[in-house]
């Protein structure tokens, strides 16, 4: 379906789908259905007034709401990335979480490096070692297509074999 973005919010995007009566907005895109990439806010992907094409993933006839997905029309970048398992790559830390860091490995691919992999010395938080924006060299330990996750390990450590 095609439509026009009517509103962009931190929880998702409302879409006026083509063919709807004026003023009615039944299309909705949840944040996880916007893109395969890592985003902080839906405004990084769409803007109010922008024309979009999306795939219908659920039509709730009782409420008249239609869930649509932009990413359903794009190829999964992790499939193209699957052959990277075992390779050493340098990526940018895009988020520091209490138990590790999320590293951008390609334009729409991120991986997770657990806190225990960051240092041989015990540390309480990842912020003691790295910050957002830092470049870090990691080994791709596993590309899990079923769970859509990339697990990383430190270069040269036992977990990296």
Foldseek 3Di string as FASTA:
>chain_A
DKFFFADFDQQWTWTDHPPDPPPDTQEIEGPVQEALADDRGCVVRDDGGDMADWAFPDQDPVVRHTYTGRHVVPDNVLVVVQVQALPKAKFFFADFDQFFTWTDGDRNDIATEGPVQQDPDDDRGCVVPDDGGDIAIWHFNGQDPVVRHTYTHHPPDPSSD
